[in-house]
Amino acid sequence: MTVSTLEIEELERALEPRIESLVAFRRDLHRHPELSNHEARTAGRVAERLVAAGYVPKTAIAGHGVVADRGVERPVGAREP
């Protein structure tokens, strides 16, 4: 899948007001590292953020996975490598 420059610009505009919150969230996750397949706290924090954004997340997917349906054709997924 290819992302257009326009889509990237739209995403940047949408994220700009949230950048401080997103950076704080990332820093929090890095302050509390977890072993692979033991990411209970991380999964909980992600689920909390999804609930706060109005989603209904499903948790415990293949262990500590979290998913939420956006209700659109092009789903977005995120995964920590």
N, C-alpha and C. Protein backbone atom coordinates (compact mmCIF):
# COMPACT_ATOMS: atom_id res chain seq x y z
N MET A 1 0.84 -1.18 0.00
CA MET A 1 0.00 0.00 0.00
C MET A 1 0.89 1.24 0.00
N THR A 2 0.54 2.21 -0.79
CA THR A 2 1.28 3.46 -0.89
C THR A 2 0.46 4.57 -0.26
N VAL A 3 1.13 5.40 0.51
CA VAL A 3 0.47 6.54 1.14
C VAL A 3 0.87 7.79 0.37
N SER A 4 -0.12 8.59 0.00
CA SER A 4 0.16 9.80 -0.77
C SER A 4 0.66 10.92 0.13
N THR A 5 1.29 11.89 -0.48
CA THR A 5 1.76 13.08 0.25
C THR A 5 0.59 13.79 0.90
N LEU A 6 -0.54 13.84 0.21
CA LEU A 6 -1.73 14.48 0.76
C LEU A 6 -2.19 13.77 2.02
N GLU A 7 -2.20 12.44 2.02
CA GLU A 7 -2.61 11.69 3.20
C GLU A 7 -1.66 11.94 4.37
N ILE A 8 -0.38 12.04 4.09
CA ILE A 8 0.60 12.31 5.15
C ILE A 8 0.37 13.70 5.72
N GLU A 9 0.13 14.68 4.86
CA GLU A 9 -0.13 16.05 5.32
C GLU A 9 -1.40 16.11 6.17
N GLU A 10 -2.43 15.38 5.77
CA GLU A 10 -3.68 15.34 6.55
C GLU A 10 -3.43 14.73 7.92
N LEU A 11 -2.65 13.67 7.95
CA LEU A 11 -2.32 13.02 9.21
C LEU A 11 -1.52 13.96 10.11
N GLU A 12 -0.55 14.65 9.55
CA GLU A 12 0.24 15.60 10.33
C GLU A 12 -0.63 16.69 10.93
N ARG A 13 -1.57 17.22 10.15
CA ARG A 13 -2.48 18.26 10.66
C ARG A 13 -3.36 17.71 11.79
N ALA A 14 -3.82 16.48 11.63
CA ALA A 14 -4.69 15.88 12.65
C ALA A 14 -3.92 15.60 13.94
N LEU A 15 -2.64 15.26 13.82
CA LEU A 15 -1.84 14.91 15.00
C LEU A 15 -1.27 16.11 15.73
N GLU A 16 -1.10 17.21 15.03
CA GLU A 16 -0.44 18.39 15.62
C GLU A 16 -1.01 18.79 16.99
N PRO A 17 -2.32 18.89 17.17
CA PRO A 17 -2.83 19.29 18.49
C PRO A 17 -2.61 18.22 19.57
N ARG A 18 -2.29 17.01 19.15
CA ARG A 18 -2.14 15.90 20.09
C ARG A 18 -0.69 15.51 20.34
N ILE A 19 0.25 16.23 19.74
CA ILE A 19 1.64 15.79 19.76
C ILE A 19 2.20 15.69 21.18
N GLU A 20 1.91 16.65 22.04
CA GLU A 20 2.43 16.60 23.41
C GLU A 20 1.92 15.37 24.15
N SER A 21 0.64 15.08 23.99
CA SER A 21 0.04 13.92 24.64
C SER A 21 0.64 12.62 24.10
N LEU A 22 0.85 12.56 22.78
CA LEU A 22 1.42 11.36 22.18
C LEU A 22 2.86 11.14 22.62
N VAL A 23 3.63 12.21 22.71
CA VAL A 23 5.02 12.10 23.17
C VAL A 23 5.05 11.64 24.63
N ALA A 24 4.18 12.18 25.46
CA ALA A 24 4.11 11.77 26.86
C ALA A 24 3.73 10.30 26.98
N PHE A 25 2.81 9.86 26.13
CA PHE A 25 2.39 8.45 26.13
C PHE A 25 3.57 7.56 25.76
N ARG A 26 4.29 7.92 24.71
CA ARG A 26 5.45 7.14 24.28
C ARG A 26 6.51 7.10 25.38
N ARG A 27 6.75 8.22 26.01
CA ARG A 27 7.76 8.26 27.08
C ARG A 27 7.33 7.38 28.25
N ASP A 28 6.05 7.39 28.57
CA ASP A 28 5.54 6.54 29.64
C ASP A 28 5.79 5.06 29.32
N LEU A 29 5.51 4.67 28.09
CA LEU A 29 5.73 3.27 27.70
C LEU A 29 7.21 2.91 27.81
N HIS A 30 8.08 3.82 27.43
CA HIS A 30 9.52 3.54 27.48
C HIS A 30 10.06 3.55 28.91
N ARG A 31 9.39 4.26 29.81
CA ARG A 31 9.79 4.24 31.22
C ARG A 31 9.42 2.92 31.90
N HIS A 32 8.51 2.19 31.30
CA HIS A 32 8.02 0.93 31.88
C HIS A 32 8.14 -0.20 30.85
N PRO A 33 9.38 -0.57 30.50
CA PRO A 33 9.54 -1.63 29.49
C PRO A 33 9.03 -2.97 30.01
N GLU A 34 8.55 -3.79 29.08
CA GLU A 34 8.06 -5.12 29.41
C GLU A 34 8.67 -6.14 28.47
N LEU A 35 8.84 -7.33 28.96
CA LEU A 35 9.37 -8.40 28.14
C LEU A 35 8.38 -8.78 27.05
N SER A 36 8.91 -9.29 25.95
CA SER A 36 8.06 -9.74 24.84
C SER A 36 7.05 -10.77 25.33
N ASN A 37 5.83 -10.64 24.88
CA ASN A 37 4.71 -11.51 25.26
C ASN A 37 4.29 -11.36 26.72
N HIS A 38 4.73 -10.29 27.37
CA HIS A 38 4.34 -9.99 28.75
C HIS A 38 3.94 -8.51 28.88
N GLU A 39 3.41 -7.95 27.83
CA GLU A 39 3.13 -6.52 27.77
C GLU A 39 1.78 -6.15 28.35
N ALA A 40 1.48 -6.63 29.54
CA ALA A 40 0.17 -6.39 30.15
C ALA A 40 -0.08 -4.90 30.40
N ARG A 41 0.91 -4.20 30.96
CA ARG A 41 0.73 -2.78 31.25
C ARG A 41 0.57 -1.98 29.96
N THR A 42 1.41 -2.28 28.98
CA THR A 42 1.33 -1.58 27.70
C THR A 42 -0.04 -1.78 27.07
N ALA A 43 -0.52 -3.02 27.05
CA ALA A 43 -1.84 -3.31 26.47
C ALA A 43 -2.93 -2.54 27.22
N GLY A 44 -2.81 -2.48 28.53
CA GLY A 44 -3.79 -1.74 29.32
C GLY A 44 -3.79 -0.26 29.00
N ARG A 45 -2.59 0.32 28.85
CA ARG A 45 -2.49 1.74 28.53
C ARG A 45 -3.06 2.04 27.14
N VAL A 46 -2.78 1.15 26.17
CA VAL A 46 -3.32 1.33 24.83
C VAL A 46 -4.85 1.25 24.86
N ALA A 47 -5.38 0.26 25.57
CA ALA A 47 -6.83 0.12 25.68
C ALA A 47 -7.46 1.36 26.33
N GLU A 48 -6.81 1.90 27.37
CA GLU A 48 -7.32 3.12 28.01
C GLU A 48 -7.40 4.27 27.02
N ARG A 49 -6.36 4.44 26.21
CA ARG A 49 -6.34 5.52 25.23
C ARG A 49 -7.44 5.34 24.19
N LEU A 50 -7.66 4.09 23.78
CA LEU A 50 -8.72 3.83 22.80
C LEU A 50 -10.09 4.14 23.38
N VAL A 51 -10.33 3.76 24.62
CA VAL A 51 -11.61 4.06 25.28
C VAL A 51 -11.79 5.58 25.37
N ALA A 52 -10.73 6.29 25.77
CA ALA A 52 -10.81 7.75 25.88
C ALA A 52 -11.11 8.40 24.53
N ALA A 53 -10.70 7.74 23.45
CA ALA A 53 -10.96 8.27 22.10
C ALA A 53 -12.31 7.84 21.56
N GLY A 54 -13.08 7.09 22.36
CA GLY A 54 -14.42 6.70 21.95
C GLY A 54 -14.54 5.34 21.30
N TYR A 55 -13.47 4.57 21.30
CA TYR A 55 -13.50 3.22 20.72
C TYR A 55 -13.86 2.20 21.79
N VAL A 56 -14.26 1.03 21.33
CA VAL A 56 -14.51 -0.10 22.23
C VAL A 56 -13.47 -1.16 21.87
N PRO A 57 -12.34 -1.16 22.58
CA PRO A 57 -11.28 -2.10 22.22
C PRO A 57 -11.59 -3.52 22.66
N LYS A 58 -11.04 -4.45 21.91
CA LYS A 58 -11.05 -5.85 22.31
C LYS A 58 -9.65 -6.15 22.79
N THR A 59 -9.55 -6.76 23.95
CA THR A 59 -8.24 -7.02 24.54
C THR A 59 -7.97 -8.51 24.61
N ALA A 60 -6.77 -8.84 25.02
CA ALA A 60 -6.32 -10.22 25.17
C ALA A 60 -6.35 -10.96 23.83
N ILE A 61 -6.01 -10.27 22.75
CA ILE A 61 -5.95 -10.89 21.43
C ILE A 61 -4.58 -11.55 21.31
N ALA A 62 -4.57 -12.87 21.20
CA ALA A 62 -3.31 -13.63 21.11
C ALA A 62 -2.37 -13.26 22.24
N GLY A 63 -2.90 -13.13 23.42
CA GLY A 63 -2.09 -12.78 24.59
C GLY A 63 -2.44 -11.39 25.07
N HIS A 64 -1.61 -10.42 24.71
CA HIS A 64 -1.84 -9.04 25.18
C HIS A 64 -2.19 -8.09 24.05
N GLY A 65 -2.65 -8.60 22.93
CA GLY A 65 -3.02 -7.76 21.80
C GLY A 65 -4.27 -6.95 22.07
N VAL A 66 -4.37 -5.81 21.41
CA VAL A 66 -5.52 -4.92 21.54
C VAL A 66 -5.94 -4.50 20.14
N VAL A 67 -7.22 -4.60 19.84
CA VAL A 67 -7.74 -4.12 18.56
C VAL A 67 -9.00 -3.30 18.80
N ALA A 68 -9.27 -2.39 17.87
CA ALA A 68 -10.48 -1.58 17.93
C ALA A 68 -10.94 -1.32 16.51
N ASP A 69 -12.20 -1.52 16.25
CA ASP A 69 -12.78 -1.32 14.92
C ASP A 69 -13.09 0.16 14.72
N ARG A 70 -12.52 0.74 13.67
CA ARG A 70 -12.78 2.14 13.36
C ARG A 70 -14.05 2.31 12.56
N GLY A 71 -14.59 1.24 12.02
CA GLY A 71 -15.82 1.33 11.25
C GLY A 71 -15.62 1.95 9.88
N VAL A 72 -14.42 1.81 9.32
CA VAL A 72 -14.13 2.34 7.99
C VAL A 72 -13.53 1.23 7.13
N GLU A 73 -13.48 1.50 5.83
CA GLU A 73 -12.95 0.50 4.91
C GLU A 73 -11.47 0.22 5.09
N ARG A 74 -10.69 1.25 5.35
CA ARG A 74 -9.24 1.09 5.47
C ARG A 74 -8.84 1.04 6.93
N PRO A 75 -8.72 -0.13 7.49
CA PRO A 75 -8.34 -0.23 8.89
C PRO A 75 -6.89 0.19 9.12
N VAL A 76 -6.60 0.57 10.32
CA VAL A 76 -5.24 0.93 10.71
C VAL A 76 -4.83 -0.01 11.80
N GLY A 77 -3.63 -0.51 11.70
CA GLY A 77 -3.12 -1.40 12.74
C GLY A 77 -1.78 -0.88 13.24
N ALA A 78 -1.50 -1.15 14.48
CA ALA A 78 -0.21 -0.77 15.04
C ALA A 78 0.31 -1.94 15.86
N ARG A 79 1.60 -2.08 15.83
CA ARG A 79 2.21 -3.20 16.53
C ARG A 79 3.59 -2.77 16.98
N GLU A 80 3.96 -3.15 18.16
CA GLU A 80 5.31 -2.89 18.65
C GLU A 80 6.17 -4.07 18.25
N PRO A 81 7.22 -3.83 17.48
CA PRO A 81 8.07 -4.95 17.04
C PRO A 81 8.85 -5.56 18.18
